[in-house]
Amino acid sequence: MKSQEAAVYREIQKNTDMAMKAIDTIAAKVYDDDLALQISRQSLEYAEIYNEASRQLIDGKAELYRSNALSDAMQKTGIHCHTMLNTSTGHLAEMMIRENNNGILELEKVLRHNENAGERPVSLAQQLIGLEEKNIKNLKQYL
């Protein structure tokens, strides 16, 4: 597997891993049943894409993305701080929209820096970008 392919797959893993962890942290604070269902569905879709990226890296005998405890703790702490005084549905949806936007930006950057990654990793990254855009559209109704 080319290094550019692996870089794109690892960014996909990172992006989806962070999204699933954010959803896990926020889910306990969600009191709107529709929003809870929405983010649960998102988590499942992220898991499917994460698993596909992992499969491709394993098949290509490339190193997988590994999150570290510090970044995980920082993410959870940030979410808890931003929801300490406000757990309204609109606020939680806005936080999720921001996370989706950040994910799109990071994926666009990695695609620009790895132009020769090949069709499969680019296609999976585009699929993830499409998911992020769909999530933003769906979450806007809760603002």
Protein backbone atom coordinates (compact mmCIF):
# COMPACT_ATOMS: atom_id res chain seq x y z
CA MET A 1 0.00 0.00 0.00
CA LYS A 2 1.31 3.44 -0.93
CA SER A 3 1.98 5.85 1.90
CA GLN A 4 -0.55 8.34 0.49
CA GLU A 5 -3.28 5.70 0.49
CA ALA A 6 -2.47 4.79 4.08
CA ALA A 7 -2.48 8.47 5.10
CA VAL A 8 -5.99 8.94 3.72
CA TYR A 9 -7.29 5.76 5.36
CA ARG A 10 -5.74 6.76 8.70
CA GLU A 11 -7.36 10.21 8.49
CA ILE A 12 -10.69 8.50 7.80
CA GLN A 13 -10.14 6.33 10.87
CA LYS A 14 -9.19 9.35 12.98
CA ASN A 15 -12.16 11.38 11.79
CA THR A 16 -14.70 8.62 12.38
CA ASP A 17 -13.14 7.61 15.71
CA MET A 18 -13.37 11.17 17.01
CA ALA A 19 -16.96 11.48 15.76
CA MET A 20 -18.04 8.27 17.48
CA LYS A 21 -16.37 9.31 20.74
CA ALA A 22 -18.02 12.74 20.57
CA ILE A 23 -21.40 11.12 19.99
CA ASP A 24 -20.84 8.77 22.93
CA THR A 25 -20.04 11.72 25.18
CA ILE A 26 -22.91 13.90 23.97
CA ALA A 27 -25.51 11.10 23.90
CA ALA A 28 -25.79 11.07 27.69
CA LYS A 29 -26.75 14.76 27.62
CA VAL A 30 -29.43 14.50 24.92
CA TYR A 31 -33.02 14.72 26.14
CA ASP A 32 -34.70 14.99 22.74
CA ASP A 33 -35.62 11.50 21.52
CA ASP A 34 -35.44 12.48 17.84
CA LEU A 35 -31.95 13.95 18.23
CA ALA A 36 -30.84 10.90 20.21
CA LEU A 37 -32.02 8.64 17.40
CA GLN A 38 -30.37 10.88 14.80
CA ILE A 39 -26.95 10.78 16.46
CA SER A 40 -27.21 7.03 17.11
CA ARG A 41 -27.72 6.48 13.39
CA GLN A 42 -24.76 8.73 12.67
CA SER A 43 -22.59 6.67 14.99
CA LEU A 44 -23.50 3.48 13.14
CA GLU A 45 -22.64 5.04 9.78
CA TYR A 46 -19.31 6.28 11.16
CA ALA A 47 -18.57 2.77 12.45
CA GLU A 48 -19.15 1.27 9.00
CA ILE A 49 -16.75 3.71 7.35
CA TYR A 50 -14.20 3.26 10.16
CA ASN A 51 -14.33 -0.52 9.70
CA GLU A 52 -13.85 -0.24 5.94
CA ALA A 53 -10.80 2.00 6.36
CA SER A 54 -9.41 -0.43 8.94
CA ARG A 55 -9.98 -3.38 6.60
CA GLN A 56 -8.12 -1.64 3.80
CA LEU A 57 -5.16 -0.80 6.05
CA ILE A 58 -4.99 -4.34 7.41
CA ASP A 59 -5.21 -5.85 3.91
CA GLY A 60 -2.44 -3.49 2.78
CA LYS A 61 -0.35 -4.38 5.84
CA ALA A 62 -0.19 -0.73 6.84
CA GLU A 63 -0.21 0.77 10.31
CA LEU A 64 -3.63 1.60 11.75
CA TYR A 65 -4.57 4.90 13.35
CA ARG A 66 -4.24 4.85 17.13
CA SER A 67 -5.81 7.55 19.22
CA ASN A 68 -4.03 8.65 22.35
CA ALA A 69 -5.43 9.07 25.82
CA LEU A 70 -4.56 12.77 26.00
CA SER A 71 -6.49 13.75 22.86
CA ASP A 72 -9.43 11.58 23.96
CA ALA A 73 -9.47 13.23 27.38
CA MET A 74 -9.19 16.70 25.85
CA GLN A 75 -12.12 16.00 23.54
CA LYS A 76 -14.32 14.72 26.39
CA THR A 77 -13.33 17.60 28.66
CA GLY A 78 -14.12 20.11 25.92
CA ILE A 79 -17.56 18.62 25.40
CA HIS A 80 -18.27 18.57 29.14
CA CYS A 81 -17.13 22.19 29.49
CA HIS A 82 -19.30 23.35 26.58
CA THR A 83 -22.33 21.57 27.98
CA MET A 84 -21.88 22.37 31.65
CA LEU A 85 -24.37 25.22 31.62
CA ASN A 86 -26.29 24.51 28.44
CA THR A 87 -27.58 21.09 27.37
CA SER A 88 -30.37 22.41 25.18
CA THR A 89 -31.11 20.47 22.03
CA GLY A 90 -30.12 23.45 19.87
CA HIS A 91 -26.78 23.83 21.60
CA LEU A 92 -25.96 20.13 21.31
CA ALA A 93 -26.91 20.15 17.62
CA GLU A 94 -24.72 23.21 17.07
CA MET A 95 -21.77 21.43 18.72
CA MET A 96 -22.30 18.40 16.49
CA ILE A 97 -22.49 20.62 13.40
CA ARG A 98 -19.15 22.18 14.33
CA GLU A 99 -17.59 18.74 14.75
CA ASN A 100 -18.92 17.70 11.33
CA ASN A 101 -17.49 20.87 9.75
CA ASN A 102 -14.10 20.22 11.34
CA GLY A 103 -14.19 16.67 10.00
CA ILE A 104 -14.86 17.91 6.47
CA LEU A 105 -12.01 20.40 6.68
CA GLU A 106 -9.52 17.78 7.90
CA LEU A 107 -10.56 15.34 5.17
CA GLU A 108 -10.27 18.01 2.47
CA LYS A 109 -6.77 18.88 3.72
CA VAL A 110 -5.57 15.28 3.72
CA LEU A 111 -6.99 14.74 0.22
CA ARG A 112 -5.17 17.83 -1.06
CA HIS A 113 -1.88 16.68 0.46
CA ASN A 114 -2.26 13.14 -0.88
CA GLU A 115 -3.38 13.68 -4.47
CA ASN A 116 -1.98 10.34 -5.63
CA ALA A 117 -3.77 8.26 -3.00
CA GLY A 118 -5.76 6.25 -5.51
CA GLU A 119 -9.43 5.76 -6.23
CA ARG A 120 -10.49 3.56 -3.28
CA PRO A 121 -9.27 5.74 -0.38
CA VAL A 122 -10.43 8.92 -2.11
CA SER A 123 -13.84 7.39 -2.73
CA LEU A 124 -14.17 6.37 0.93
CA ALA A 125 -13.08 9.85 2.04
CA GLN A 126 -15.69 11.38 -0.29
CA GLN A 127 -18.30 9.03 1.17
CA LEU A 128 -17.37 10.28 4.65
CA ILE A 129 -17.53 13.90 3.51
CA GLY A 130 -20.99 13.20 2.10
CA LEU A 131 -22.03 11.68 5.43
CA GLU A 132 -20.74 14.73 7.31
CA GLU A 133 -22.64 17.07 4.97
CA LYS A 134 -25.84 15.01 5.37
CA ASN A 135 -25.41 15.11 9.15
CA ILE A 136 -25.07 18.89 9.11
CA LYS A 137 -28.23 19.21 7.04
CA ASN A 138 -30.16 16.91 9.38
CA LEU A 139 -28.85 18.58 12.54
CA LYS A 140 -29.85 22.08 11.39
CA GLN A 141 -33.50 21.26 12.13
CA TYR A 142 -32.64 21.12 15.84
CA LEU A 143 -31.11 24.61 16.03
